Amino acid sequence: MSNDASGADARSAALDAGPLGYLALGLTLLSYGLLQTGILSNTSVGSAAGLAHVVGGVALFIAGLWQFRSGDSFGGTAFAGLGAFWVTWAAGMGSGGSKNAAGLFLLVWTLLALTLAAASWHSGLFSRGVYGLLTLSLLVAAIGTFDSSGGLVKAAGWLAAVAGAISWYWATATLTNSGWGRAALPMK
């Protein structure tokens, strides 16, 4: 997610699937988060399962493989790992597992998000925001699930929605600025 395109980190923009990855992550987190908050009537977080499977899972995983191919191990790990998370989450929706199993699932994936947050520290404010808020969201969701606390689960939804909005904005700004050849949308 670095804006630095010089030296050893230089890659052709044609090989960068970062905007696709951050767009897929952003739309999935935003949808999941807003549904988790309960602000939309007659919906549930399960309504996001299809989106999570195809956009958050498949598209994100493909973006991760593309990032690995272009030499970006951070982007590849982030997108492929989170793509695997969303496919697994969508497949498990409605399985009727215990709250402890669901809480453990969220807690284990919190470790991936924490790893990404630590590794993204060099990448800039947007990256730190996305992965830091994702880490908090998964941790709060895990605690809320273990404790059967609807309030914590809703708070986790808000954290996920904000992380999704940041991810979506970063992808939108990157694509817009690239297309216009100048900073049409602020990135800092």
Protein backbone atom coordinates (compact mmCIF):
# COMPACT_ATOMS: atom_id res chain seq x y z
CA MET A 1 0.00 0.00 0.00
CA SER A 2 3.04 2.17 -0.05
CA ASN A 3 3.06 5.08 -2.41
CA ASP A 4 6.83 4.67 -2.83
CA ALA A 5 7.57 3.22 -6.26
CA SER A 6 11.33 3.43 -6.24
CA GLY A 7 14.22 1.13 -5.55
CA ALA A 8 13.65 -2.49 -4.58
CA ASP A 9 9.92 -1.89 -4.05
CA ALA A 10 9.33 -0.66 -7.61
CA ARG A 11 6.63 -2.63 -9.48
CA SER A 12 4.78 -1.95 -12.65
CA ALA A 13 1.34 -0.50 -11.93
CA ALA A 14 -0.04 -3.04 -14.41
CA LEU A 15 0.97 -5.84 -12.03
CA ASP A 16 -0.54 -4.27 -8.92
CA ALA A 17 -3.77 -5.90 -7.75
CA GLY A 18 -3.70 -3.77 -4.59
CA PRO A 19 -6.67 -1.60 -5.59
CA LEU A 20 -8.75 -4.71 -6.38
CA GLY A 21 -7.76 -6.28 -3.07
CA TYR A 22 -8.53 -3.20 -1.01
CA LEU A 23 -11.79 -2.64 -2.89
CA ALA A 24 -12.90 -6.25 -2.29
CA LEU A 25 -11.85 -6.06 1.35
CA GLY A 26 -13.50 -2.68 1.81
CA LEU A 27 -16.85 -3.60 0.29
CA THR A 28 -16.99 -6.86 2.25
CA LEU A 29 -16.04 -5.29 5.58
CA LEU A 30 -18.41 -2.38 5.05
CA SER A 31 -21.34 -4.67 4.22
CA TYR A 32 -20.58 -7.15 6.99
CA GLY A 33 -20.01 -4.39 9.52
CA LEU A 34 -23.19 -2.48 8.73
CA LEU A 35 -25.25 -5.67 8.83
CA GLN A 36 -23.60 -6.62 12.14
CA THR A 37 -24.66 -3.31 13.70
CA GLY A 38 -28.33 -4.02 13.10
CA ILE A 39 -29.03 -0.55 11.67
CA LEU A 40 -30.74 -2.03 8.62
CA SER A 41 -34.11 -3.56 9.41
CA ASN A 42 -35.08 -7.08 8.32
CA THR A 43 -31.46 -8.07 7.65
CA SER A 44 -28.84 -10.08 9.47
CA VAL A 45 -25.13 -10.57 9.14
CA GLY A 46 -25.93 -13.83 7.32
CA SER A 47 -27.25 -11.67 4.46
CA ALA A 48 -23.62 -10.85 3.68
CA ALA A 49 -22.59 -14.49 3.22
CA GLY A 50 -22.85 -14.45 -0.59
CA LEU A 51 -20.91 -11.21 -0.89
CA ALA A 52 -18.36 -12.46 1.63
CA HIS A 53 -17.86 -15.69 -0.29
CA VAL A 54 -17.49 -14.27 -3.80
CA VAL A 55 -16.11 -10.74 -3.32
CA GLY A 56 -14.42 -11.09 0.06
CA GLY A 57 -13.30 -14.65 -0.55
CA VAL A 58 -12.69 -15.44 -4.18
CA ALA A 59 -11.83 -11.95 -5.53
CA LEU A 60 -9.64 -11.18 -2.52
CA PHE A 61 -7.84 -14.52 -2.76
CA ILE A 62 -7.18 -13.99 -6.49
CA ALA A 63 -5.87 -10.48 -5.76
CA GLY A 64 -3.57 -12.04 -3.17
CA LEU A 65 -2.19 -14.56 -5.65
CA TRP A 66 -1.64 -11.73 -8.14
CA GLN A 67 0.24 -9.72 -5.51
CA PHE A 68 2.46 -12.73 -4.76
CA ARG A 69 3.12 -13.05 -8.50
CA SER A 70 4.17 -9.39 -8.69
CA GLY A 71 6.57 -9.84 -5.75
CA ASP A 72 4.45 -8.20 -3.03
CA SER A 73 4.55 -10.69 -0.16
CA PHE A 74 2.67 -8.40 2.24
CA GLY A 75 -0.23 -7.74 -0.15
CA GLY A 76 -0.26 -11.39 -1.19
CA THR A 77 -0.40 -12.59 2.40
CA ALA A 78 -3.01 -10.02 3.39
CA PHE A 79 -5.36 -10.62 0.47
CA ALA A 80 -4.99 -14.40 0.18
CA GLY A 81 -5.21 -14.84 3.96
CA LEU A 82 -8.27 -12.62 4.32
CA GLY A 83 -9.80 -14.22 1.22
CA ALA A 84 -9.47 -17.59 2.97
CA PHE A 85 -11.07 -16.07 6.07
CA TRP A 86 -14.12 -14.82 4.16
CA VAL A 87 -14.62 -18.08 2.24
CA THR A 88 -14.43 -20.02 5.51
CA TRP A 89 -16.73 -17.58 7.30
CA ALA A 90 -19.32 -17.70 4.50
CA ALA A 91 -19.18 -21.51 4.36
CA GLY A 92 -19.74 -21.70 8.13
CA MET A 93 -22.78 -19.39 8.19
CA GLY A 94 -25.80 -21.25 9.51
CA SER A 95 -23.80 -24.32 10.48
CA GLY A 96 -25.20 -24.17 13.99
CA GLY A 97 -21.80 -24.42 15.68
CA SER A 98 -21.33 -23.43 19.31
CA LYS A 99 -20.59 -19.88 20.43
CA ASN A 100 -17.23 -21.10 21.72
CA ALA A 101 -16.30 -22.48 18.30
CA ALA A 102 -17.38 -19.23 16.64
CA GLY A 103 -15.48 -17.17 19.21
CA LEU A 104 -12.35 -19.27 18.74
CA PHE A 105 -12.64 -18.89 14.96
CA LEU A 106 -12.73 -15.10 15.32
CA LEU A 107 -9.92 -15.10 17.88
CA VAL A 108 -7.60 -17.17 15.66
CA TRP A 109 -8.22 -14.87 12.70
CA THR A 110 -7.53 -11.92 14.99
CA LEU A 111 -3.94 -13.21 15.03
CA LEU A 112 -3.71 -12.88 11.25
CA ALA A 113 -5.12 -9.36 11.44
CA LEU A 114 -2.65 -8.49 14.21
CA THR A 115 0.22 -9.81 12.10
CA LEU A 116 -0.97 -7.68 9.18
CA ALA A 117 -1.35 -4.62 11.42
CA ALA A 118 2.22 -5.01 12.70
CA ALA A 119 3.60 -5.66 9.21
CA SER A 120 1.69 -2.70 7.71
CA TRP A 121 3.27 -0.17 10.04
CA HIS A 122 5.74 0.86 7.32
CA SER A 123 3.02 1.19 4.69
CA GLY A 124 1.26 4.35 5.75
CA LEU A 125 -1.77 5.58 7.62
CA PHE A 126 -4.43 3.94 5.44
CA SER A 127 -2.92 0.48 5.75
CA ARG A 128 -2.43 0.84 9.51
CA GLY A 129 -6.02 2.03 9.83
CA VAL A 130 -7.51 -0.86 7.88
CA TYR A 131 -5.55 -3.63 9.61
CA GLY A 132 -5.58 -2.02 13.04
CA LEU A 133 -9.36 -1.58 12.99
CA LEU A 134 -9.80 -5.07 11.52
CA THR A 135 -7.77 -6.47 14.42
CA LEU A 136 -9.89 -4.60 16.97
CA SER A 137 -13.10 -5.63 15.21
CA LEU A 138 -12.22 -9.33 15.23
CA LEU A 139 -11.04 -9.19 18.85
CA VAL A 140 -14.19 -7.39 20.05
CA ALA A 141 -16.37 -9.77 17.99
CA ALA A 142 -14.60 -12.78 19.52
CA ILE A 143 -15.08 -11.46 23.06
CA GLY A 144 -18.70 -10.56 22.30
CA THR A 145 -19.32 -14.02 20.86
CA PHE A 146 -17.75 -15.82 23.83
CA ASP A 147 -19.75 -13.62 26.22
CA SER A 148 -23.00 -13.60 24.16
CA SER A 149 -22.84 -9.80 24.28
CA GLY A 150 -24.90 -8.23 21.53
CA GLY A 151 -23.48 -4.81 22.40
CA LEU A 152 -19.88 -5.92 21.83
CA VAL A 153 -20.81 -7.67 18.60
CA LYS A 154 -22.48 -4.47 17.36
CA ALA A 155 -19.41 -2.45 18.36
CA ALA A 156 -17.29 -4.91 16.37
CA GLY A 157 -19.59 -4.28 13.41
CA TRP A 158 -18.97 -0.53 13.61
CA LEU A 159 -15.19 -1.11 13.75
CA ALA A 160 -15.42 -3.41 10.70
CA ALA A 161 -17.54 -0.85 8.82
CA VAL A 162 -15.01 1.93 9.47
CA ALA A 163 -12.14 -0.37 8.40
CA GLY A 164 -14.12 -1.19 5.25
CA ALA A 165 -14.76 2.47 4.49
CA ILE A 166 -11.05 3.25 4.83
CA SER A 167 -10.13 0.32 2.58
CA TRP A 168 -12.74 1.31 -0.01
CA TYR A 169 -11.56 4.94 0.02
CA TRP A 170 -7.91 3.94 -0.41
CA ALA A 171 -8.77 1.78 -3.44
CA THR A 172 -10.99 4.50 -4.91
CA ALA A 173 -8.36 7.20 -4.42
CA THR A 174 -5.62 5.02 -5.88
CA LEU A 175 -7.62 4.19 -9.00
CA THR A 176 -8.91 7.75 -9.43
CA ASN A 177 -5.50 9.35 -8.98
CA SER A 178 -3.93 6.82 -11.35
CA GLY A 179 -6.57 7.50 -13.99
CA TRP A 180 -6.31 11.27 -13.68
CA GLY A 181 -2.52 11.22 -13.44
CA ARG A 182 -2.63 13.52 -10.40
CA ALA A 183 -3.87 13.60 -6.82
CA ALA A 184 -7.59 14.11 -7.48
CA LEU A 185 -8.46 12.46 -4.13
CA PRO A 186 -6.20 13.00 -1.10
CA MET A 187 -4.14 10.04 0.04
CA LYS A 188 -2.55 11.52 3.18
